[in-house]
N, C-alpha and C. Protein backbone atom coordinates (compact mmCIF):
# COMPACT_ATOMS: atom_id res chain seq x y z
N MET A 1 6.94 -30.81 35.49
CA MET A 1 6.12 -29.82 34.86
C MET A 1 6.19 -29.97 33.34
N VAL A 2 5.03 -29.97 32.72
CA VAL A 2 4.94 -30.12 31.27
C VAL A 2 4.98 -28.73 30.63
N ARG A 3 5.85 -28.59 29.65
CA ARG A 3 5.94 -27.31 28.94
C ARG A 3 4.99 -27.34 27.75
N LEU A 4 4.18 -26.32 27.66
CA LEU A 4 3.28 -26.21 26.53
C LEU A 4 3.97 -25.48 25.40
N SER A 5 3.73 -25.93 24.21
CA SER A 5 4.26 -25.25 23.04
C SER A 5 3.17 -24.30 22.53
N VAL A 6 3.42 -23.03 22.73
CA VAL A 6 2.45 -22.02 22.32
C VAL A 6 2.97 -21.34 21.06
N PRO A 7 2.17 -21.36 20.00
CA PRO A 7 2.63 -20.70 18.77
C PRO A 7 2.69 -19.18 18.97
N SER A 8 3.51 -18.55 18.16
CA SER A 8 3.60 -17.09 18.25
C SER A 8 2.44 -16.46 17.49
N GLN A 9 2.11 -15.25 17.86
CA GLN A 9 1.04 -14.51 17.21
C GLN A 9 1.49 -14.08 15.81
N PRO A 10 0.78 -14.50 14.77
CA PRO A 10 1.18 -14.03 13.43
C PRO A 10 0.92 -12.53 13.29
N THR A 11 1.79 -11.86 12.56
CA THR A 11 1.70 -10.41 12.42
C THR A 11 1.85 -10.03 10.95
N LEU A 12 0.98 -9.15 10.50
CA LEU A 12 1.12 -8.62 9.14
C LEU A 12 2.39 -7.80 9.05
N ARG A 13 2.95 -7.74 7.86
CA ARG A 13 4.11 -6.91 7.60
C ARG A 13 3.72 -5.84 6.58
N PRO A 14 4.42 -4.73 6.55
CA PRO A 14 4.08 -3.67 5.59
C PRO A 14 4.03 -4.17 4.14
N PHE A 15 4.94 -5.05 3.77
CA PHE A 15 4.97 -5.61 2.42
C PHE A 15 3.66 -6.29 2.06
N ASP A 16 2.97 -6.85 3.04
CA ASP A 16 1.72 -7.57 2.79
C ASP A 16 0.65 -6.66 2.19
N VAL A 17 0.71 -5.38 2.51
CA VAL A 17 -0.23 -4.42 1.92
C VAL A 17 -0.03 -4.39 0.41
N ALA A 18 1.22 -4.38 -0.04
CA ALA A 18 1.50 -4.38 -1.47
C ALA A 18 1.02 -5.67 -2.13
N VAL A 19 1.19 -6.79 -1.45
CA VAL A 19 0.71 -8.07 -1.98
C VAL A 19 -0.80 -8.01 -2.16
N ALA A 20 -1.51 -7.52 -1.15
CA ALA A 20 -2.97 -7.43 -1.22
C ALA A 20 -3.41 -6.50 -2.36
N LEU A 21 -2.74 -5.36 -2.50
CA LEU A 21 -3.11 -4.42 -3.56
C LEU A 21 -2.85 -5.01 -4.94
N ARG A 22 -1.75 -5.72 -5.10
CA ARG A 22 -1.48 -6.36 -6.39
C ARG A 22 -2.53 -7.42 -6.69
N LEU A 23 -2.93 -8.18 -5.68
CA LEU A 23 -3.97 -9.19 -5.88
C LEU A 23 -5.33 -8.56 -6.12
N LEU A 24 -5.52 -7.36 -5.66
CA LEU A 24 -6.74 -6.61 -5.98
C LEU A 24 -6.76 -6.31 -7.48
N LEU A 25 -5.61 -5.96 -8.03
CA LEU A 25 -5.50 -5.66 -9.46
C LEU A 25 -5.51 -6.91 -10.32
N GLU A 26 -4.89 -7.97 -9.82
CA GLU A 26 -4.76 -9.23 -10.57
C GLU A 26 -5.20 -10.40 -9.68
N PRO A 27 -6.52 -10.59 -9.53
CA PRO A 27 -7.02 -11.65 -8.64
C PRO A 27 -6.44 -13.03 -9.00
N GLU A 28 -6.08 -13.75 -7.97
CA GLU A 28 -5.56 -15.12 -8.10
C GLU A 28 -4.28 -15.21 -8.93
N GLU A 29 -3.53 -14.12 -9.02
CA GLU A 29 -2.28 -14.15 -9.78
C GLU A 29 -1.37 -15.24 -9.21
N ARG A 30 -0.70 -15.97 -10.09
CA ARG A 30 0.22 -17.01 -9.64
C ARG A 30 1.39 -16.39 -8.88
N TYR A 31 2.05 -17.19 -8.07
CA TYR A 31 3.11 -16.68 -7.20
C TYR A 31 4.30 -16.10 -7.96
N GLU A 32 4.73 -16.74 -9.02
CA GLU A 32 5.91 -16.26 -9.75
C GLU A 32 5.68 -14.87 -10.36
N PRO A 33 4.58 -14.68 -11.12
CA PRO A 33 4.36 -13.33 -11.66
C PRO A 33 4.10 -12.29 -10.56
N LEU A 34 3.49 -12.71 -9.47
CA LEU A 34 3.24 -11.81 -8.34
C LEU A 34 4.57 -11.35 -7.74
N ALA A 35 5.49 -12.29 -7.57
CA ALA A 35 6.82 -11.96 -7.04
C ALA A 35 7.55 -11.03 -8.00
N ASP A 36 7.47 -11.31 -9.29
CA ASP A 36 8.12 -10.45 -10.28
C ASP A 36 7.54 -9.04 -10.25
N ALA A 37 6.22 -8.95 -10.17
CA ALA A 37 5.56 -7.64 -10.14
C ALA A 37 5.95 -6.83 -8.92
N LEU A 38 6.25 -7.51 -7.82
CA LEU A 38 6.59 -6.83 -6.57
C LEU A 38 8.10 -6.79 -6.32
N ALA A 39 8.87 -7.18 -7.31
CA ALA A 39 10.34 -7.13 -7.24
C ALA A 39 10.88 -7.84 -6.01
N THR A 40 10.39 -9.06 -5.79
CA THR A 40 10.81 -9.83 -4.62
C THR A 40 10.86 -11.30 -4.97
N SER A 41 11.10 -12.13 -3.98
CA SER A 41 11.18 -13.57 -4.20
C SER A 41 9.81 -14.23 -4.09
N THR A 42 9.70 -15.38 -4.69
CA THR A 42 8.46 -16.16 -4.61
C THR A 42 8.17 -16.56 -3.17
N SER A 43 9.21 -16.89 -2.42
CA SER A 43 9.00 -17.29 -1.03
C SER A 43 8.46 -16.12 -0.19
N ALA A 44 8.93 -14.90 -0.46
CA ALA A 44 8.42 -13.74 0.27
C ALA A 44 6.94 -13.53 -0.02
N VAL A 45 6.54 -13.75 -1.27
CA VAL A 45 5.13 -13.62 -1.64
C VAL A 45 4.30 -14.72 -0.98
N HIS A 46 4.81 -15.96 -0.96
CA HIS A 46 4.11 -17.06 -0.29
C HIS A 46 3.83 -16.71 1.17
N ARG A 47 4.86 -16.21 1.86
CA ARG A 47 4.68 -15.85 3.27
C ARG A 47 3.69 -14.71 3.43
N GLY A 48 3.74 -13.73 2.54
CA GLY A 48 2.79 -12.61 2.59
C GLY A 48 1.36 -13.07 2.38
N VAL A 49 1.16 -13.94 1.41
CA VAL A 49 -0.19 -14.47 1.15
C VAL A 49 -0.69 -15.22 2.37
N ALA A 50 0.17 -16.03 2.99
CA ALA A 50 -0.25 -16.78 4.18
C ALA A 50 -0.64 -15.83 5.32
N ARG A 51 0.14 -14.77 5.52
CA ARG A 51 -0.20 -13.81 6.57
C ARG A 51 -1.52 -13.10 6.25
N LEU A 52 -1.74 -12.73 4.99
CA LEU A 52 -2.98 -12.07 4.60
C LEU A 52 -4.19 -13.00 4.78
N GLN A 53 -4.01 -14.28 4.47
CA GLN A 53 -5.10 -15.24 4.68
C GLN A 53 -5.39 -15.38 6.17
N GLY A 54 -4.35 -15.47 6.98
CA GLY A 54 -4.52 -15.58 8.43
C GLY A 54 -5.22 -14.38 9.03
N ALA A 55 -4.98 -13.20 8.46
CA ALA A 55 -5.60 -11.97 8.96
C ALA A 55 -7.01 -11.77 8.41
N GLY A 56 -7.42 -12.61 7.47
CA GLY A 56 -8.74 -12.48 6.88
C GLY A 56 -8.82 -11.43 5.78
N LEU A 57 -7.67 -10.99 5.27
CA LEU A 57 -7.66 -9.99 4.19
C LEU A 57 -7.70 -10.65 2.81
N LEU A 58 -7.40 -11.95 2.78
CA LEU A 58 -7.62 -12.77 1.59
C LEU A 58 -8.59 -13.87 1.98
N ARG A 59 -9.35 -14.35 1.02
CA ARG A 59 -10.26 -15.47 1.31
C ARG A 59 -9.43 -16.71 1.61
N PRO A 60 -9.93 -17.58 2.50
CA PRO A 60 -9.17 -18.78 2.87
C PRO A 60 -8.80 -19.63 1.65
N ALA A 61 -7.60 -20.14 1.66
CA ALA A 61 -7.10 -21.04 0.63
C ALA A 61 -7.19 -20.45 -0.78
N SER A 62 -7.07 -19.13 -0.89
CA SER A 62 -7.09 -18.51 -2.22
C SER A 62 -6.22 -17.26 -2.20
N ARG A 63 -6.07 -16.69 -3.36
CA ARG A 63 -5.38 -15.41 -3.48
C ARG A 63 -6.37 -14.35 -3.96
N THR A 64 -7.59 -14.45 -3.44
CA THR A 64 -8.65 -13.49 -3.75
C THR A 64 -8.83 -12.56 -2.56
N VAL A 65 -8.80 -11.27 -2.82
CA VAL A 65 -8.92 -10.27 -1.76
C VAL A 65 -10.32 -10.29 -1.16
N ALA A 66 -10.38 -10.28 0.16
CA ALA A 66 -11.65 -10.09 0.88
C ALA A 66 -11.86 -8.58 0.93
N ARG A 67 -12.53 -8.05 -0.09
CA ARG A 67 -12.61 -6.61 -0.30
C ARG A 67 -13.10 -5.81 0.91
N PRO A 68 -14.21 -6.20 1.56
CA PRO A 68 -14.65 -5.41 2.72
C PRO A 68 -13.61 -5.38 3.85
N ALA A 69 -12.94 -6.50 4.08
CA ALA A 69 -11.92 -6.54 5.13
C ALA A 69 -10.72 -5.67 4.77
N LEU A 70 -10.28 -5.74 3.51
CA LEU A 70 -9.15 -4.92 3.09
C LEU A 70 -9.50 -3.44 3.18
N ARG A 71 -10.71 -3.10 2.76
CA ARG A 71 -11.17 -1.71 2.84
C ARG A 71 -11.09 -1.21 4.29
N GLU A 72 -11.64 -2.00 5.21
CA GLU A 72 -11.64 -1.61 6.62
C GLU A 72 -10.22 -1.44 7.15
N PHE A 73 -9.34 -2.38 6.81
CA PHE A 73 -7.96 -2.30 7.29
C PHE A 73 -7.25 -1.06 6.74
N LEU A 74 -7.38 -0.82 5.43
CA LEU A 74 -6.67 0.31 4.83
C LEU A 74 -7.20 1.65 5.32
N LEU A 75 -8.51 1.75 5.52
CA LEU A 75 -9.07 3.03 5.94
C LEU A 75 -8.91 3.29 7.43
N HIS A 76 -8.90 2.24 8.23
CA HIS A 76 -8.91 2.45 9.68
C HIS A 76 -7.73 1.86 10.44
N GLY A 77 -6.97 0.97 9.81
CA GLY A 77 -5.91 0.31 10.56
C GLY A 77 -4.49 0.53 10.07
N VAL A 78 -4.32 0.76 8.77
CA VAL A 78 -2.97 0.77 8.22
C VAL A 78 -2.10 1.88 8.81
N ARG A 79 -2.67 3.02 9.12
CA ARG A 79 -1.84 4.11 9.65
C ARG A 79 -1.40 3.84 11.09
N TYR A 80 -2.11 2.96 11.78
CA TYR A 80 -1.70 2.59 13.13
C TYR A 80 -0.74 1.39 13.10
N ALA A 81 -1.01 0.44 12.21
CA ALA A 81 -0.14 -0.73 12.11
C ALA A 81 1.21 -0.38 11.52
N PHE A 82 1.21 0.53 10.52
CA PHE A 82 2.43 0.92 9.83
C PHE A 82 2.50 2.45 9.75
N PRO A 83 2.76 3.10 10.88
CA PRO A 83 2.77 4.57 10.90
C PRO A 83 3.82 5.13 9.95
N PRO A 84 3.52 6.30 9.40
CA PRO A 84 4.47 6.90 8.44
C PRO A 84 5.75 7.32 9.14
N VAL A 85 6.86 7.07 8.47
CA VAL A 85 8.16 7.50 8.94
C VAL A 85 8.69 8.47 7.89
N ARG A 86 8.87 9.71 8.31
CA ARG A 86 9.31 10.76 7.39
C ARG A 86 10.77 11.08 7.63
N GLY A 87 11.37 11.72 6.64
CA GLY A 87 12.78 12.08 6.76
C GLY A 87 13.08 13.36 6.02
N GLN A 88 14.33 13.54 5.73
CA GLN A 88 14.81 14.77 5.11
C GLN A 88 14.35 14.88 3.65
N GLU A 89 14.56 16.05 3.10
CA GLU A 89 14.23 16.28 1.70
C GLU A 89 15.24 15.57 0.82
N MET A 90 14.75 14.92 -0.24
CA MET A 90 15.61 14.20 -1.17
C MET A 90 14.88 13.98 -2.48
N THR A 91 15.56 13.38 -3.42
CA THR A 91 14.96 13.06 -4.71
C THR A 91 14.50 11.61 -4.67
N GLY A 92 13.33 11.37 -5.26
CA GLY A 92 12.80 10.01 -5.27
C GLY A 92 11.58 9.90 -6.16
N VAL A 93 10.78 8.90 -5.89
CA VAL A 93 9.55 8.62 -6.64
C VAL A 93 8.39 9.22 -5.85
N ALA A 94 7.56 9.99 -6.53
CA ALA A 94 6.42 10.64 -5.87
C ALA A 94 5.48 9.63 -5.25
N THR A 95 4.91 9.99 -4.10
CA THR A 95 3.91 9.17 -3.44
C THR A 95 2.88 10.08 -2.77
N ALA A 96 1.87 9.46 -2.19
CA ALA A 96 0.80 10.17 -1.48
C ALA A 96 0.20 11.25 -2.37
N TRP A 97 0.05 12.47 -1.83
CA TRP A 97 -0.60 13.56 -2.56
C TRP A 97 0.28 14.17 -3.64
N SER A 98 1.48 13.64 -3.83
CA SER A 98 2.37 14.13 -4.88
C SER A 98 2.17 13.39 -6.20
N VAL A 99 1.29 12.41 -6.22
CA VAL A 99 0.99 11.65 -7.44
C VAL A 99 -0.22 12.29 -8.11
N GLY A 100 -0.11 12.54 -9.40
CA GLY A 100 -1.10 13.27 -10.18
C GLY A 100 -2.56 13.01 -9.86
N PRO A 101 -3.06 11.78 -10.01
CA PRO A 101 -4.49 11.54 -9.77
C PRO A 101 -4.92 11.84 -8.32
N ILE A 102 -4.05 11.61 -7.37
CA ILE A 102 -4.39 11.90 -5.98
C ILE A 102 -4.34 13.41 -5.75
N ALA A 103 -3.36 14.07 -6.34
CA ALA A 103 -3.29 15.53 -6.24
C ALA A 103 -4.55 16.15 -6.84
N ASP A 104 -5.03 15.58 -7.94
CA ASP A 104 -6.26 16.09 -8.57
C ASP A 104 -7.46 15.95 -7.64
N LEU A 105 -7.53 14.83 -6.91
CA LEU A 105 -8.62 14.62 -5.95
C LEU A 105 -8.62 15.70 -4.87
N LEU A 106 -7.42 16.12 -4.50
CA LEU A 106 -7.25 17.05 -3.38
C LEU A 106 -7.11 18.50 -3.82
N ALA A 107 -7.29 18.76 -5.11
CA ALA A 107 -7.07 20.11 -5.65
C ALA A 107 -7.92 21.17 -4.96
N THR A 108 -9.11 20.84 -4.52
CA THR A 108 -9.97 21.83 -3.88
C THR A 108 -9.76 21.93 -2.38
N GLU A 109 -8.94 21.04 -1.83
CA GLU A 109 -8.67 21.05 -0.39
C GLU A 109 -7.53 22.02 -0.10
N SER A 110 -7.54 22.57 1.08
CA SER A 110 -6.47 23.51 1.45
C SER A 110 -5.70 22.99 2.65
N ALA A 111 -5.36 21.73 2.62
CA ALA A 111 -4.62 21.13 3.73
C ALA A 111 -3.15 21.57 3.67
N SER A 112 -2.61 21.92 4.79
CA SER A 112 -1.24 22.44 4.84
C SER A 112 -0.21 21.36 4.48
N ASP A 113 -0.52 20.09 4.72
CA ASP A 113 0.47 19.06 4.42
C ASP A 113 0.59 18.77 2.93
N LEU A 114 -0.24 19.37 2.10
CA LEU A 114 -0.16 19.17 0.66
C LEU A 114 0.88 20.06 0.00
N ALA A 115 1.38 21.04 0.72
CA ALA A 115 2.31 22.00 0.15
C ALA A 115 3.65 21.36 -0.23
N ARG A 116 4.09 20.38 0.52
CA ARG A 116 5.38 19.74 0.25
C ARG A 116 5.18 18.42 -0.47
N ALA A 117 6.00 18.20 -1.47
CA ALA A 117 5.99 16.91 -2.16
C ALA A 117 6.49 15.83 -1.20
N VAL A 118 6.02 14.63 -1.41
CA VAL A 118 6.42 13.48 -0.60
C VAL A 118 6.95 12.42 -1.57
N VAL A 119 8.11 11.83 -1.22
CA VAL A 119 8.74 10.86 -2.12
C VAL A 119 9.22 9.63 -1.37
N TRP A 120 9.30 8.52 -2.10
CA TRP A 120 10.02 7.35 -1.63
C TRP A 120 11.46 7.53 -2.12
N PRO A 121 12.45 7.35 -1.28
CA PRO A 121 13.82 7.52 -1.75
C PRO A 121 14.13 6.49 -2.84
N ASP A 122 14.64 6.99 -3.97
CA ASP A 122 14.97 6.11 -5.08
C ASP A 122 15.88 6.88 -6.03
N GLU A 123 17.01 6.28 -6.37
CA GLU A 123 17.98 6.95 -7.25
C GLU A 123 17.39 7.25 -8.62
N ALA A 124 16.45 6.45 -9.08
CA ALA A 124 15.85 6.64 -10.40
C ALA A 124 14.70 7.66 -10.37
N GLY A 125 14.35 8.16 -9.18
CA GLY A 125 13.26 9.10 -9.07
C GLY A 125 13.62 10.47 -9.62
N SER A 126 12.58 11.28 -9.85
CA SER A 126 12.81 12.59 -10.45
C SER A 126 12.11 13.73 -9.69
N VAL A 127 11.52 13.40 -8.55
CA VAL A 127 10.78 14.40 -7.77
C VAL A 127 11.55 14.70 -6.49
N ARG A 128 11.64 15.96 -6.15
CA ARG A 128 12.31 16.35 -4.90
C ARG A 128 11.23 16.62 -3.86
N GLY A 129 11.38 16.03 -2.69
CA GLY A 129 10.40 16.23 -1.64
C GLY A 129 10.80 15.59 -0.35
N GLU A 130 9.91 15.67 0.63
CA GLU A 130 10.16 15.06 1.94
C GLU A 130 10.09 13.54 1.79
N MET A 131 11.07 12.86 2.34
CA MET A 131 11.13 11.41 2.26
C MET A 131 10.07 10.77 3.15
N LEU A 132 9.39 9.76 2.60
CA LEU A 132 8.48 8.91 3.35
C LEU A 132 8.96 7.49 3.15
N VAL A 133 9.28 6.81 4.23
CA VAL A 133 9.76 5.43 4.11
C VAL A 133 8.64 4.61 3.49
N PRO A 134 8.93 3.91 2.38
CA PRO A 134 7.88 3.12 1.72
C PRO A 134 7.53 1.87 2.54
N LEU A 135 6.39 1.30 2.22
CA LEU A 135 5.95 0.10 2.92
C LEU A 135 6.90 -1.08 2.70
N PHE A 136 7.62 -1.06 1.59
CA PHE A 136 8.60 -2.12 1.34
C PHE A 136 9.71 -1.55 0.48
N PRO A 137 10.91 -2.12 0.56
CA PRO A 137 12.07 -1.54 -0.11
C PRO A 137 11.95 -1.40 -1.62
N GLY A 138 11.25 -2.27 -2.30
CA GLY A 138 11.16 -2.21 -3.76
C GLY A 138 10.05 -1.34 -4.30
N ALA A 139 9.42 -0.53 -3.47
CA ALA A 139 8.26 0.26 -3.90
C ALA A 139 8.58 1.18 -5.07
N GLY A 140 9.73 1.81 -5.05
CA GLY A 140 10.10 2.71 -6.14
C GLY A 140 10.22 1.99 -7.47
N ARG A 141 10.87 0.84 -7.47
CA ARG A 141 11.00 0.05 -8.70
C ARG A 141 9.65 -0.42 -9.20
N VAL A 142 8.82 -0.90 -8.27
CA VAL A 142 7.49 -1.38 -8.63
C VAL A 142 6.66 -0.25 -9.22
N ALA A 143 6.74 0.92 -8.64
CA ALA A 143 5.97 2.07 -9.11
C ALA A 143 6.35 2.46 -10.53
N GLN A 144 7.61 2.34 -10.84
CA GLN A 144 8.06 2.70 -12.18
C GLN A 144 7.62 1.69 -13.23
N ARG A 145 7.30 0.47 -12.80
CA ARG A 145 6.88 -0.57 -13.74
C ARG A 145 5.37 -0.73 -13.83
N ASP A 146 4.63 -0.31 -12.79
CA ASP A 146 3.19 -0.55 -12.75
C ASP A 146 2.47 0.68 -12.21
N ALA A 147 1.94 1.49 -13.10
CA ALA A 147 1.28 2.74 -12.71
C ALA A 147 0.05 2.49 -11.84
N ARG A 148 -0.66 1.40 -12.08
CA ARG A 148 -1.87 1.11 -11.28
C ARG A 148 -1.50 0.82 -9.84
N LEU A 149 -0.48 0.00 -9.64
CA LEU A 149 -0.05 -0.33 -8.28
C LEU A 149 0.57 0.89 -7.61
N HIS A 150 1.31 1.69 -8.38
CA HIS A 150 1.88 2.93 -7.84
C HIS A 150 0.77 3.82 -7.29
N LEU A 151 -0.31 3.95 -8.03
CA LEU A 151 -1.42 4.79 -7.59
C LEU A 151 -2.05 4.26 -6.31
N LEU A 152 -2.27 2.95 -6.22
CA LEU A 152 -2.87 2.37 -5.01
C LEU A 152 -1.93 2.51 -3.81
N LEU A 153 -0.65 2.22 -4.00
CA LEU A 153 0.31 2.37 -2.90
C LEU A 153 0.39 3.82 -2.45
N SER A 154 0.33 4.75 -3.39
CA SER A 154 0.36 6.17 -3.05
C SER A 154 -0.89 6.59 -2.30
N ALA A 155 -2.03 6.04 -2.68
CA ALA A 155 -3.27 6.34 -1.96
C ALA A 155 -3.18 5.83 -0.52
N VAL A 156 -2.61 4.65 -0.35
CA VAL A 156 -2.42 4.12 1.01
C VAL A 156 -1.48 5.03 1.79
N ASP A 157 -0.41 5.52 1.15
CA ASP A 157 0.50 6.44 1.83
C ASP A 157 -0.21 7.74 2.22
N ALA A 158 -1.11 8.22 1.37
CA ALA A 158 -1.86 9.44 1.70
C ALA A 158 -2.73 9.20 2.93
N VAL A 159 -3.32 8.01 3.02
CA VAL A 159 -4.13 7.67 4.19
C VAL A 159 -3.24 7.54 5.42
N ARG A 160 -2.06 6.96 5.25
CA ARG A 160 -1.14 6.79 6.38
C ARG A 160 -0.58 8.12 6.88
N ALA A 161 -0.25 9.02 5.96
CA ALA A 161 0.52 10.20 6.33
C ALA A 161 -0.26 11.51 6.29
N GLY A 162 -1.47 11.49 5.78
CA GLY A 162 -2.20 12.73 5.56
C GLY A 162 -3.02 13.19 6.75
N SER A 163 -3.48 14.43 6.62
CA SER A 163 -4.38 15.01 7.62
C SER A 163 -5.73 14.31 7.56
N SER A 164 -6.61 14.67 8.47
CA SER A 164 -7.95 14.06 8.47
C SER A 164 -8.68 14.36 7.16
N THR A 165 -8.47 15.53 6.59
CA THR A 165 -9.10 15.88 5.32
C THR A 165 -8.57 14.99 4.20
N VAL A 166 -7.26 14.83 4.14
CA VAL A 166 -6.65 13.97 3.13
C VAL A 166 -7.14 12.53 3.31
N ARG A 167 -7.15 12.04 4.54
CA ARG A 167 -7.62 10.67 4.78
C ARG A 167 -9.06 10.48 4.33
N ARG A 168 -9.90 11.48 4.56
CA ARG A 168 -11.32 11.38 4.17
C ARG A 168 -11.46 11.32 2.65
N VAL A 169 -10.83 12.25 1.95
CA VAL A 169 -10.97 12.33 0.49
C VAL A 169 -10.33 11.12 -0.19
N VAL A 170 -9.10 10.83 0.16
CA VAL A 170 -8.39 9.72 -0.47
C VAL A 170 -8.99 8.39 0.01
N GLY A 171 -9.42 8.33 1.25
CA GLY A 171 -10.07 7.12 1.75
C GLY A 171 -11.33 6.79 0.97
N ASP A 172 -12.13 7.79 0.64
CA ASP A 172 -13.33 7.55 -0.17
C ASP A 172 -12.96 7.00 -1.54
N TYR A 173 -11.93 7.58 -2.14
CA TYR A 173 -11.44 7.13 -3.45
C TYR A 173 -10.96 5.68 -3.36
N LEU A 174 -10.15 5.40 -2.37
CA LEU A 174 -9.60 4.06 -2.18
C LEU A 174 -10.71 3.06 -1.89
N ALA A 175 -11.65 3.43 -1.04
CA ALA A 175 -12.76 2.55 -0.71
C ALA A 175 -13.58 2.20 -1.95
N ASP A 176 -13.80 3.19 -2.81
CA ASP A 176 -14.55 2.95 -4.04
C ASP A 176 -13.81 1.96 -4.93
N ARG A 177 -12.52 2.11 -5.05
CA ARG A 177 -11.73 1.21 -5.90
C ARG A 177 -11.67 -0.20 -5.32
N ILE A 178 -11.63 -0.29 -4.00
CA ILE A 178 -11.53 -1.62 -3.39
C ILE A 178 -12.88 -2.33 -3.38
N LEU A 179 -13.89 -1.66 -2.84
CA LEU A 179 -15.18 -2.33 -2.70
C LEU A 179 -15.86 -2.60 -4.02
N TRP A 180 -15.86 -1.62 -4.88
CA TRP A 180 -16.62 -1.77 -6.12
C TRP A 180 -15.76 -2.06 -7.31
N GLY A 181 -14.45 -1.94 -7.15
CA GLY A 181 -13.56 -2.26 -8.26
C GLY A 181 -13.58 -1.26 -9.39
N SER A 182 -14.18 -0.07 -9.17
CA SER A 182 -14.20 0.91 -10.24
C SER A 182 -12.80 1.38 -10.54
N ASP A 183 -12.43 1.34 -11.79
CA ASP A 183 -11.11 1.74 -12.28
C ASP A 183 -9.98 0.84 -11.76
N ALA A 184 -10.28 -0.21 -11.01
CA ALA A 184 -9.21 -1.01 -10.41
C ALA A 184 -8.33 -1.69 -11.46
N ASN A 185 -8.87 -1.99 -12.62
CA ASN A 185 -8.07 -2.66 -13.62
C ASN A 185 -7.67 -1.77 -14.78
N ARG A 186 -7.74 -0.47 -14.59
CA ARG A 186 -7.30 0.46 -15.65
C ARG A 186 -5.95 1.00 -15.35
C-alpha cells in the first residue's frame, strides 16, 4: 500500500490580523520594520504574511492587503475564527469601545456592554476594566507605540466582542477605513 503525503490545512492565527492591519497602514512594508512595529521576530512576520497570502487576505506574492477580502473577514469572520476571551477586572491598555474614537462613534448608542471598560492586560496600562485577551501577546506594547494600529486593533476587538449594535456601528467605521482608506494613514 502506497502512503500519500497529504499537506495539512493552513490556518490563520490571531496575530495575522495584526500583520494585515499594519500592512493596511504601511503597504508593502519590509519585513524587518514590520516585525519591529509588531514587537515580534522577522520569522513570525514572514509566516504571518504567508498565511495571509494563502487565505487571500494579501495579494499573491506581495504584502499588499486585498481590501475587499480583509473587510469581509473582519466584519463577518473574525469573531468566529478568534472569539473573544474575557476575564476578571484588571488594569491594562484600553481596547474596543474603551478607546476614545470608538467610544465617540458609539456615544449615541445605549448598548449595555459599553458600560464597562475593556482592557488588554498590560503592566504599563492605565485603564481599569474587564480583561479581553488580545489577538497577540504584544498588543499592549504595540498600542503604546502606534496609535493608528491601536485604533484598528481596538475596532476589531469591538467587532469581536460587541453587541450587534456595536458590530454594526464599528463595522461600518472599519469597513470605510479598509475599503476606501479614509483616515487609514492618519
